[in-house]
Amino acid sequence: MNIVTPIFKQVAALGKAPAVSDQSVSLSYSDLQREIARLADYFRSLGVAPGDRVMMIGENSVALAVLILAGSHAGATIVLENARRAPLEIDAIITHCQPKRAVFVYAHSSDARKHAEQAKADVISDPIIGEFSVSSENPKGNSDPARDTELAAFIYTTGTTGTPKGVMLTHGNLCFIASMMGELRDISPSDNVYCVLPITHVMGLASVLLGSLHSGAHVHLRPRFSAKQCLSEINTHGITVLQGATAMFAKLTEQATLDKWQLTAPMRFMGAGGAPIDTTVKRNTEQLFGVVLQNGYGLTEAASICWTRFGEDYDDDSVGRPLPGMELRILDDDGRDVADDGVGELWARGPNVMRGYFRNPDMTGKVLTSDGWLNTQDLARKGRDSRIYIVGRKRDVIIRSGFKVNPLEVETVLNRHPGIAHSAVIGRKADGNNEDVVAFVELVHPLTTLPNDLEQHLRNALSAYKYPNEIIILPALPLAPNGKVLKNKLLETAKGLTR
């Protein structure tokens, strides 16, 4: 089943109901069907055939959403990229995947226009979705002898810092995640969904955009997150569904306190994902919006592995239980199952697991078994109630004086302090095989220096070897468009501060 099929099924009942809107364009379900079909024909006129790769570079907008869906309806595999990527990163991805065409979507994205100018792409003026650019045909773009028409999207997980990894996701992968939004999150035509998570990333694409449209909801697309704007629009548009990373909810609660903002209409569902949830942020968010901040876990290679459930009380950082159809194992270094509450690497198998990494069989073989088990490379434990807890990422573990330090544990303690808005912890190489524990913190306004009681707060909760060697204040932690902290940038900063 194509990702567009369930959207078209909504048209008979919801023809005139709003489907997608941004700050410039609004389309009903009938309008959306018409534009998807029209632009799919446009792609076919460009020579795009089923199985061809078409790259889309843009930021959240009606134009980007329609073009993604139209390309899919034409049978193309859509290579997704946020326009805020650096030019060299986008060039590396184009070189790796060799799309037949690259589409640069200008709507609400000056960066996309700059990329288009660099690529010398042709400008198209569309009467409905506005201007976008299309590159000339790449003769290498259809050179694969066997085309996999089940592939819906490629999402790349690295840029210029390493070999690009193109995660190959099928229509079945994405439709499964979207269907869970209706089944477990009760998304319906009565919902107004705020979509600020990039639809060029898997959570924004599958959970928010497709999950909403497959269930008949109205999606309000916004290109970039602004806490003040988001709070205002929650009230003016009667937003009932909001998903984001923990950092986004931390900024919303801080801004609401500064502005003395109050919710004027009921929120129905709020969900965090893409990064570990912080229990302090969770509590503050729930007090502000009056609903439980649900949690979940997944990764680009297998989004939506675990979710917390409605009606289940929890006040910790559990990511919940596996979704229906998912199988999980937690294994030690010797490949043996660990006991409940034991920590090991999390493996997952189910209908959301990727096909593999594009043109990278060696890397695929390292994480994906022939019978479909994916090594997430995340450390996890299972509680006796079958809920899953993410302990950290195996490769992020810091070795200090022979002891292992999980950054997530230190971050959790830092974030519990009322003066810390957000934190990130990394390891910095020291003498021999030793590493320093370096913490970066974003302070709660109006603080400009570390709180006097922070040291005691940390020492009360952490063993001596886990205590940060250095705590560095930043005006704001560097975030990717999907809300994740860019720890590679913090590593570069830490190297420059080596004492």
Protein backbone atom coordinates (compact mmCIF):
# COMPACT_ATOMS: atom_id res chain seq x y z
CA MET A 1 0.00 0.00 0.00
CA ASN A 2 1.30 3.45 -0.95
CA ILE A 3 1.47 6.06 1.84
CA VAL A 4 -1.01 8.17 -0.14
CA THR A 5 -3.75 5.51 -0.34
CA PRO A 6 -5.19 6.02 3.19
CA ILE A 7 -5.32 9.79 2.60
CA PHE A 8 -7.43 9.39 -0.53
CA LYS A 9 -9.79 7.12 1.43
CA GLN A 10 -10.61 10.08 3.69
CA VAL A 11 -11.87 12.27 0.86
CA ALA A 12 -15.35 10.77 0.54
CA ALA A 13 -16.23 11.57 4.15
CA LEU A 14 -14.06 14.67 4.69
CA GLY A 15 -13.93 16.33 1.29
CA LYS A 16 -14.28 19.95 2.43
CA ALA A 17 -12.67 19.47 5.86
CA PRO A 18 -9.22 21.06 6.27
CA ALA A 19 -6.32 18.70 5.73
CA VAL A 20 -3.09 20.73 5.69
CA SER A 21 -2.34 24.39 6.26
CA ASP A 22 0.60 26.67 6.89
CA GLN A 23 0.84 30.44 7.21
CA SER A 24 0.17 30.93 3.49
CA VAL A 25 -1.83 28.02 2.09
CA SER A 26 -4.68 25.82 3.28
CA LEU A 27 -6.01 22.73 1.51
CA SER A 28 -9.06 20.62 2.23
CA TYR A 29 -8.95 16.84 1.78
CA SER A 30 -10.49 17.23 -1.69
CA ASP A 31 -7.97 19.93 -2.55
CA LEU A 32 -5.12 17.77 -1.27
CA GLN A 33 -6.19 14.80 -3.39
CA ARG A 34 -6.43 17.01 -6.47
CA GLU A 35 -3.00 18.59 -5.93
CA ILE A 36 -1.31 15.26 -5.22
CA ALA A 37 -2.71 13.83 -8.46
CA ARG A 38 -1.86 16.94 -10.48
CA LEU A 39 1.74 17.15 -9.28
CA ALA A 40 2.21 13.39 -9.62
CA ASP A 41 1.40 13.88 -13.31
CA TYR A 42 3.95 16.70 -13.36
CA PHE A 43 6.64 14.38 -12.00
CA ARG A 44 5.73 11.77 -14.62
CA SER A 45 6.11 14.45 -17.29
CA LEU A 46 9.67 14.95 -16.06
CA GLY A 47 10.38 11.30 -16.74
CA VAL A 48 10.07 10.11 -13.14
CA ALA A 49 9.15 6.41 -13.17
CA PRO A 50 8.24 4.01 -10.35
CA GLY A 51 11.36 3.24 -8.31
CA ASP A 52 13.23 6.39 -9.34
CA ARG A 53 14.72 8.48 -6.54
CA VAL A 54 13.53 12.09 -6.20
CA MET A 55 15.20 14.24 -3.56
CA MET A 56 13.15 16.86 -1.68
CA ILE A 57 14.93 19.71 0.11
CA GLY A 58 12.78 22.08 2.17
CA GLU A 59 11.18 22.91 5.49
CA ASN A 60 7.69 22.24 6.82
CA SER A 61 5.07 23.74 4.53
CA VAL A 62 2.01 22.72 2.56
CA ALA A 63 4.17 22.83 -0.56
CA LEU A 64 6.71 20.35 0.82
CA ALA A 65 4.01 18.01 2.13
CA VAL A 66 2.15 17.99 -1.20
CA LEU A 67 5.31 17.44 -3.24
CA ILE A 68 6.41 14.54 -1.03
CA LEU A 69 3.00 12.91 -1.38
CA ALA A 70 2.80 13.63 -5.11
CA GLY A 71 6.22 12.11 -5.75
CA SER A 72 5.17 9.06 -3.79
CA HIS A 73 1.91 8.82 -5.74
CA ALA A 74 3.99 8.84 -8.94
CA GLY A 75 5.87 5.82 -7.59
CA ALA A 76 9.13 7.57 -6.72
CA THR A 77 11.27 6.89 -3.68
CA ILE A 78 11.56 10.25 -1.91
CA VAL A 79 14.96 11.21 -0.49
CA LEU A 80 14.20 13.68 2.29
CA GLU A 81 16.48 16.45 3.51
CA ASN A 82 15.93 19.51 5.66
CA ALA A 83 17.04 22.71 3.95
CA ARG A 84 18.94 23.77 7.06
CA ARG A 85 21.62 21.21 6.30
CA ALA A 86 24.97 22.71 5.24
CA PRO A 87 25.62 22.76 1.48
CA LEU A 88 28.46 20.22 1.75
CA GLU A 89 26.18 17.82 3.65
CA ILE A 90 23.50 18.03 0.96
CA ASP A 91 26.12 17.63 -1.76
CA ALA A 92 27.40 14.47 -0.05
CA ILE A 93 23.91 12.98 0.05
CA ILE A 94 23.20 13.84 -3.59
CA THR A 95 26.50 12.24 -4.58
CA HIS A 96 25.67 9.12 -2.61
CA CYS A 97 22.06 8.53 -3.67
CA GLN A 98 22.18 10.00 -7.20
CA PRO A 99 18.52 11.11 -7.41
CA LYS A 100 16.95 11.41 -10.83
CA ARG A 101 15.71 14.86 -9.85
CA ALA A 102 16.23 17.17 -6.88
CA VAL A 103 13.36 19.43 -5.82
CA PHE A 104 14.03 22.56 -3.75
CA VAL A 105 10.92 23.85 -1.96
CA TYR A 106 11.08 27.58 -1.26
CA ALA A 107 7.96 27.90 0.89
CA HIS A 108 9.06 29.31 4.27
CA SER A 109 12.69 28.38 3.52
CA SER A 110 15.26 30.87 2.26
CA ASP A 111 17.86 28.13 2.76
CA ALA A 112 16.15 25.95 0.15
CA ARG A 113 16.34 28.82 -2.34
CA LYS A 114 20.10 29.16 -1.71
CA HIS A 115 20.60 25.43 -2.29
CA ALA A 116 18.59 25.67 -5.52
CA GLU A 117 20.69 28.58 -6.78
CA GLN A 118 23.88 26.64 -6.07
CA ALA A 119 22.47 23.65 -7.97
CA LYS A 120 21.37 25.91 -10.87
CA ALA A 121 17.91 24.33 -10.69
CA ASP A 122 15.02 25.57 -12.84
CA VAL A 123 12.45 27.75 -11.05
CA ILE A 124 8.83 26.58 -11.25
CA SER A 125 5.98 28.97 -10.38
CA ASP A 126 2.98 26.96 -9.27
CA PRO A 127 -0.40 28.71 -8.81
CA ILE A 128 -1.33 26.66 -5.73
CA ILE A 129 1.82 25.83 -3.76
CA GLY A 130 4.09 28.65 -4.93
CA GLU A 131 7.66 28.59 -6.20
CA PHE A 132 10.01 25.64 -6.13
CA SER A 133 12.97 24.53 -8.22
CA VAL A 134 13.74 21.29 -10.02
CA SER A 135 17.20 20.15 -11.04
CA SER A 136 18.00 18.86 -14.49
CA GLU A 137 17.71 15.11 -15.02
CA ASN A 138 20.56 13.09 -13.58
CA PRO A 139 21.54 10.38 -16.07
CA LYS A 140 22.78 8.20 -13.20
CA GLY A 141 19.47 8.52 -11.38
CA ASN A 142 17.84 5.50 -13.01
CA SER A 143 20.90 3.28 -13.36
CA ASP A 144 19.86 0.63 -10.83
CA PRO A 145 19.10 -2.61 -12.70
CA ALA A 146 16.39 -3.63 -10.20
CA ARG A 147 14.07 -1.01 -8.77
CA ASP A 148 12.41 -1.61 -5.44
CA THR A 149 8.98 0.00 -5.77
CA GLU A 150 8.15 -0.86 -2.14
CA LEU A 151 10.60 1.81 -0.96
CA ALA A 152 8.87 5.02 0.09
CA ALA A 153 11.65 7.18 1.50
CA PHE A 154 15.35 7.50 2.24
CA ILE A 155 16.29 9.48 5.33
CA TYR A 156 19.99 10.14 5.89
CA THR A 157 21.39 9.96 9.40
CA THR A 158 24.82 11.54 8.89
CA GLY A 159 26.38 14.42 6.99
CA THR A 160 29.98 15.35 6.23
CA THR A 161 31.33 13.84 9.47
CA GLY A 162 31.17 10.29 8.09
CA THR A 163 29.88 8.10 5.33
CA PRO A 164 26.24 9.07 4.70
CA LYS A 165 23.80 6.37 5.81
CA GLY A 166 20.63 6.37 3.76
CA VAL A 167 17.96 4.58 5.79
CA MET A 168 15.63 2.81 3.36
CA LEU A 169 12.02 2.90 4.60
CA THR A 170 9.18 1.12 2.86
CA HIS A 171 5.55 2.17 2.43
CA GLY A 172 4.72 -0.61 4.90
CA ASN A 173 7.13 0.81 7.49
CA LEU A 174 5.58 4.28 7.33
CA CYS A 175 1.97 3.11 7.09
CA PHE A 176 2.41 0.93 10.17
CA ILE A 177 3.62 3.89 12.23
CA ALA A 178 0.84 6.11 10.88
CA SER A 179 -1.80 3.48 11.72
CA MET A 180 -0.57 3.32 15.32
CA MET A 181 -1.39 7.03 15.71
CA GLY A 182 -5.02 6.19 15.09
CA GLU A 183 -5.01 2.96 17.08
CA LEU A 184 -3.04 4.02 20.16
CA ARG A 185 -3.21 7.83 20.10
CA ASP A 186 -6.84 8.13 18.97
CA ILE A 187 -6.11 10.67 16.22
CA SER A 188 -9.41 11.57 14.53
CA PRO A 189 -11.01 14.20 12.25
CA SER A 190 -11.75 16.31 15.33
CA ASP A 191 -8.04 16.88 15.99
CA ASN A 192 -5.97 19.95 15.17
CA VAL A 193 -2.35 18.79 15.01
CA TYR A 194 0.59 21.18 15.36
CA CYS A 195 3.44 19.92 13.15
CA VAL A 196 6.74 21.62 13.91
CA LEU A 197 8.78 18.42 13.88
CA PRO A 198 10.42 18.34 10.43
CA ILE A 199 8.55 16.17 7.96
CA THR A 200 11.96 15.43 6.43
CA HIS A 201 12.63 13.32 9.56
CA VAL A 202 10.89 10.07 10.37
CA MET A 203 8.89 11.19 13.43
CA GLY A 204 7.54 14.29 11.70
CA LEU A 205 6.80 12.38 8.50
CA ALA A 206 5.31 9.13 9.81
CA SER A 207 3.84 9.93 13.22
CA VAL A 208 2.74 13.54 12.72
CA LEU A 209 2.02 14.14 9.02
CA LEU A 210 0.95 10.67 7.85
CA GLY A 211 -0.47 9.64 11.21
CA SER A 212 -2.74 12.70 11.14
CA LEU A 213 -3.77 12.57 7.47
CA HIS A 214 -4.44 8.81 7.55
CA SER A 215 -6.90 9.51 10.40
CA GLY A 216 -8.54 12.60 8.89
CA ALA A 217 -7.08 15.27 11.20
CA HIS A 218 -6.07 18.83 10.30
CA VAL A 219 -2.27 19.35 10.21
CA HIS A 220 -0.92 22.84 10.93
CA LEU A 221 2.61 22.89 9.44
CA ARG A 222 5.26 25.24 10.82
CA PRO A 223 8.85 25.41 9.48
CA ARG A 224 10.66 26.24 12.72
CA PHE A 225 9.92 26.15 16.41
CA SER A 226 9.30 29.35 18.34
CA ALA A 227 8.03 28.88 21.89
CA LYS A 228 6.14 32.19 21.88
CA GLN A 229 4.51 31.53 18.50
CA CYS A 230 3.65 27.94 19.42
CA LEU A 231 1.92 28.97 22.65
CA SER A 232 -0.05 31.65 20.84
CA GLU A 233 -1.16 29.32 18.05
CA ILE A 234 -2.15 26.55 20.44
CA ASN A 235 -4.88 28.87 21.65
CA THR A 236 -5.81 30.62 18.39
CA HIS A 237 -6.07 27.37 16.38
CA GLY A 238 -7.45 25.16 19.14
CA ILE A 239 -4.53 22.73 18.87
CA THR A 240 -5.38 19.36 20.41
CA VAL A 241 -2.25 17.36 19.51
CA LEU A 242 1.37 18.42 20.00
CA GLN A 243 4.49 16.27 19.58
CA GLY A 244 8.12 17.23 19.97
CA ALA A 245 11.46 16.61 21.63
CA THR A 246 12.01 17.17 25.35
CA ALA A 247 13.92 20.39 24.61
CA MET A 248 10.83 21.86 22.93
CA PHE A 249 8.62 21.21 25.94
CA ALA A 250 11.27 22.68 28.26
CA LYS A 251 11.25 25.91 26.23
CA LEU A 252 7.44 26.01 26.13
CA THR A 253 7.14 25.80 29.93
CA GLU A 254 9.84 28.43 30.43
CA GLN A 255 8.19 30.83 27.94
CA ALA A 256 4.75 30.24 29.45
CA THR A 257 6.08 31.18 32.88
CA LEU A 258 7.66 34.37 31.55
CA ASP A 259 4.49 35.38 29.67
CA LYS A 260 2.04 34.14 32.33
CA TRP A 261 0.45 32.18 29.49
CA GLN A 262 -2.61 30.01 30.09
CA LEU A 263 -4.26 27.35 27.95
CA THR A 264 -7.73 28.41 26.78
CA ALA A 265 -8.92 25.17 25.14
CA PRO A 266 -8.33 21.54 26.17
CA MET A 267 -5.27 19.75 24.86
CA ARG A 268 -5.96 16.07 24.16
CA PHE A 269 -2.59 14.46 23.47
CA MET A 270 1.03 15.52 23.94
CA GLY A 271 3.94 13.25 23.09
CA ALA A 272 7.71 13.45 23.47
CA GLY A 273 10.18 11.57 21.33
CA GLY A 274 13.47 11.81 19.51
CA ALA A 275 15.43 12.30 22.73
CA PRO A 276 15.27 11.02 26.32
CA ILE A 277 12.47 12.56 28.34
CA ASP A 278 13.37 14.52 31.45
CA THR A 279 11.10 13.93 34.44
CA THR A 280 11.27 17.57 35.53
CA VAL A 281 10.23 18.76 32.07
CA LYS A 282 7.52 16.10 32.04
CA ARG A 283 6.08 17.29 35.34
CA ASN A 284 6.21 20.99 34.38
CA THR A 285 4.60 20.30 30.98
CA GLU A 286 1.77 18.30 32.54
CA GLN A 287 1.07 21.07 35.05
CA LEU A 288 0.94 23.66 32.26
CA PHE A 289 -1.25 21.77 29.77
CA GLY A 290 -3.30 19.54 32.05
CA VAL A 291 -2.58 16.29 30.17
CA VAL A 292 -0.01 13.55 30.56
CA LEU A 293 3.12 14.05 28.45
CA GLN A 294 3.34 10.65 26.79
CA ASN A 295 6.74 9.23 25.90
CA GLY A 296 8.05 7.01 23.15
CA TYR A 297 11.18 5.55 21.67
CA GLY A 298 12.44 4.79 18.21
CA LEU A 299 15.13 5.72 15.74
CA THR A 300 15.27 6.46 12.04
CA GLU A 301 15.97 2.81 11.32
CA ALA A 302 12.88 1.73 13.30
CA ALA A 303 10.66 4.56 14.44
CA SER A 304 7.99 4.01 17.09
CA ILE A 305 9.33 0.90 18.79
CA CYS A 306 7.80 1.65 22.21
CA TRP A 307 5.12 4.06 23.45
CA THR A 308 3.56 4.75 26.80
CA ARG A 309 -0.20 4.22 26.81
CA PHE A 310 -3.25 6.28 27.71
CA GLY A 311 -4.71 5.36 31.08
CA GLU A 312 -1.46 4.05 32.52
CA ASP A 313 -0.03 6.05 35.42
CA TYR A 314 3.70 6.67 35.34
CA ASP A 315 5.91 9.44 36.68
CA ASP A 316 9.30 8.24 35.45
CA ASP A 317 11.22 8.26 32.18
CA SER A 318 9.95 4.94 30.83
CA VAL A 319 9.37 4.82 27.08
CA GLY A 320 6.49 2.39 27.63
CA ARG A 321 5.85 -1.01 26.15
CA PRO A 322 6.46 -2.29 22.61
CA LEU A 323 3.89 -1.44 19.96
CA PRO A 324 1.64 -4.24 18.70
CA GLY A 325 3.62 -6.45 16.35
CA MET A 326 7.00 -5.48 17.80
CA GLU A 327 9.42 -7.98 19.35
CA LEU A 328 12.23 -6.84 21.67
CA ARG A 329 15.31 -8.47 23.17
CA ILE A 330 17.88 -7.00 25.56
CA LEU A 331 21.22 -8.76 25.14
CA ASP A 332 24.55 -8.67 26.96
CA ASP A 333 27.94 -8.44 25.21
CA ASP A 334 27.89 -12.21 24.63
CA GLY A 335 24.49 -12.13 22.92
CA ARG A 336 22.57 -13.60 25.87
CA ASP A 337 19.25 -12.27 27.14
CA VAL A 338 19.64 -10.26 30.33
CA ALA A 339 17.26 -10.64 33.27
CA ASP A 340 14.57 -8.05 34.02
CA ASP A 341 16.15 -4.81 35.31
CA GLY A 342 19.48 -5.84 33.77
CA VAL A 343 21.10 -3.50 31.24
CA GLY A 344 22.02 -4.57 27.72
CA GLU A 345 21.76 -3.64 24.04
CA LEU A 346 18.22 -3.34 22.74
CA TRP A 347 17.31 -5.37 19.64
CA ALA A 348 13.99 -4.94 17.82
CA ARG A 349 12.05 -6.74 15.10
CA GLY A 350 8.76 -5.72 13.55
CA PRO A 351 6.87 -3.99 10.72
CA ASN A 352 8.67 -0.66 11.19
CA VAL A 353 12.25 -1.94 10.76
CA MET A 354 14.09 -0.48 7.78
CA ARG A 355 15.00 -2.40 4.63
CA GLY A 356 18.67 -1.46 5.24
CA TYR A 357 21.19 1.26 4.42
CA PHE A 358 21.27 2.28 0.77
CA ARG A 359 24.37 1.05 -1.05
CA ASN A 360 25.98 0.03 2.23
CA PRO A 361 25.62 -3.74 2.73
CA ASP A 362 28.52 -3.89 5.20
CA MET A 363 26.93 -1.39 7.57
CA THR A 364 23.53 -3.02 7.08
CA GLY A 365 25.00 -6.39 8.04
CA LYS A 366 26.44 -4.95 11.25
CA VAL A 367 23.06 -3.88 12.62
CA LEU A 368 20.44 -5.99 10.81
CA THR A 369 20.26 -9.78 10.87
CA SER A 370 18.96 -11.92 8.02
CA ASP A 371 15.83 -12.72 10.06
CA GLY A 372 14.99 -9.05 10.66
CA TRP A 373 16.47 -8.22 14.09
CA LEU A 374 17.83 -4.66 14.34
CA ASN A 375 20.53 -3.77 16.84
CA THR A 376 19.50 -0.28 18.00
CA GLN A 377 22.90 0.13 19.70
CA ASP A 378 21.05 1.71 22.60
CA LEU A 379 21.42 0.46 26.15
CA ALA A 380 18.12 -0.42 27.80
CA ARG A 381 16.52 -2.34 30.63
CA LYS A 382 13.08 -3.89 31.01
CA GLY A 383 11.18 -3.34 34.24
CA ARG A 384 9.20 -6.14 35.82
CA ASP A 385 6.03 -4.54 34.43
CA SER A 386 7.48 -4.97 30.88
CA ARG A 387 8.06 -1.25 30.43
CA ILE A 388 11.30 -0.31 28.69
CA TYR A 389 13.82 2.22 30.00
CA ILE A 390 16.54 3.67 27.75
CA VAL A 391 19.77 3.96 29.72
CA GLY A 392 21.96 5.55 27.05
CA ARG A 393 23.75 4.96 23.77
CA LYS A 394 26.47 2.34 23.88
CA ARG A 395 28.95 4.41 21.90
CA ASP A 396 28.34 7.46 24.16
CA VAL A 397 29.41 5.71 27.36
CA ILE A 398 32.24 7.65 29.03
CA ILE A 399 35.17 5.76 30.58
CA ARG A 400 36.44 7.61 33.65
CA SER A 401 39.02 6.09 35.99
CA GLY A 402 38.01 2.66 34.72
CA PHE A 403 34.31 3.23 35.48
CA LYS A 404 31.50 3.57 32.93
CA VAL A 405 29.43 6.75 33.01
CA ASN A 406 26.18 6.97 31.04
CA PRO A 407 25.67 10.62 29.98
CA LEU A 408 21.89 10.27 30.26
CA GLU A 409 22.14 9.60 34.00
CA VAL A 410 24.17 12.77 34.58
CA GLU A 411 21.87 14.80 32.31
CA THR A 412 18.82 13.60 34.23
CA VAL A 413 20.29 14.77 37.53
CA LEU A 414 21.32 18.13 36.07
CA ASN A 415 17.88 18.71 34.60
CA ARG A 416 16.22 18.08 37.96
CA HIS A 417 17.73 21.29 39.30
CA PRO A 418 15.24 24.17 38.95
CA GLY A 419 17.93 26.45 37.55
CA ILE A 420 18.83 24.16 34.63
CA ALA A 421 16.61 24.36 31.55
CA HIS A 422 18.47 21.76 29.48
CA SER A 423 21.76 19.89 29.56
CA ALA A 424 23.99 17.62 27.52
CA VAL A 425 26.94 15.54 28.73
CA ILE A 426 29.84 14.25 26.65
CA GLY A 427 33.20 12.56 27.19
CA ARG A 428 36.41 14.42 26.41
CA LYS A 429 39.64 12.48 25.94
CA ALA A 430 42.08 12.93 28.81
CA ASP A 431 45.27 11.09 29.78
CA GLY A 432 45.69 7.52 28.50
CA ASN A 433 42.35 5.77 28.09
CA ASN A 434 40.67 8.12 30.54
CA GLU A 435 37.92 10.63 29.67
CA ASP A 436 36.64 13.76 31.35
CA VAL A 437 32.92 14.14 31.98
CA VAL A 438 31.96 17.51 30.46
CA ALA A 439 28.49 18.99 30.94
CA PHE A 440 26.94 21.76 28.86
CA VAL A 441 23.96 23.53 30.40
CA GLU A 442 21.34 26.02 29.34
CA LEU A 443 20.15 28.04 32.34
CA VAL A 444 16.61 29.03 33.23
CA HIS A 445 16.01 32.73 32.58
CA PRO A 446 17.16 35.08 34.11
CA LEU A 447 20.13 33.15 35.56
CA THR A 448 23.54 33.90 34.04
CA THR A 449 25.79 31.94 36.43
CA LEU A 450 25.60 28.43 37.83
CA PRO A 451 23.29 28.16 40.86
CA ASN A 452 25.19 28.13 44.17
CA ASP A 453 23.62 24.85 45.26
CA LEU A 454 24.23 22.98 41.98
CA GLU A 455 27.41 21.30 43.21
CA GLN A 456 25.70 19.93 46.30
CA HIS A 457 22.68 18.89 44.20
CA LEU A 458 24.96 16.82 41.94
CA ARG A 459 27.03 15.31 44.74
CA ASN A 460 23.87 14.21 46.56
CA ALA A 461 22.74 12.24 43.50
CA LEU A 462 25.90 11.07 41.71
CA SER A 463 28.88 8.95 42.64
CA ALA A 464 32.16 10.86 42.62
CA TYR A 465 33.35 9.36 39.31
CA LYS A 466 30.15 10.53 37.56
CA TYR A 467 30.48 14.14 38.71
CA PRO A 468 31.34 16.50 35.80
CA ASN A 469 34.94 17.65 35.53
CA GLU A 470 33.63 20.80 33.93
CA ILE A 471 30.25 22.50 33.52
CA ILE A 472 29.98 24.96 30.63
CA ILE A 473 27.13 27.46 30.27
CA LEU A 474 25.74 28.04 26.77
CA PRO A 475 23.02 30.55 25.79
CA ALA A 476 21.30 27.66 24.03
CA LEU A 477 22.33 24.09 23.31
CA PRO A 478 22.81 23.40 19.58
CA LEU A 479 19.79 21.51 18.31
CA ALA A 480 19.04 19.67 15.08
CA PRO A 481 15.74 20.51 13.35
CA ASN A 482 14.16 17.46 15.03
CA GLY A 483 15.06 18.76 18.50
CA LYS A 484 18.01 16.48 19.22
CA VAL A 485 21.12 17.99 20.78
CA LEU A 486 24.00 18.11 18.29
CA LYS A 487 26.60 16.45 20.48
CA ASN A 488 29.17 16.42 17.66
CA LYS A 489 29.25 20.24 17.91
CA LEU A 490 29.65 20.03 21.68
CA LEU A 491 32.54 17.60 21.21
CA GLU A 492 34.32 20.16 19.03
CA THR A 493 33.71 22.85 21.64
CA ALA A 494 35.01 20.59 24.41
CA LYS A 495 38.17 19.78 22.46
CA GLY A 496 38.88 23.48 22.19
CA LEU A 497 38.54 23.84 25.94
CA THR A 498 40.95 21.02 26.82
CA ARG A 499 42.84 22.04 29.89
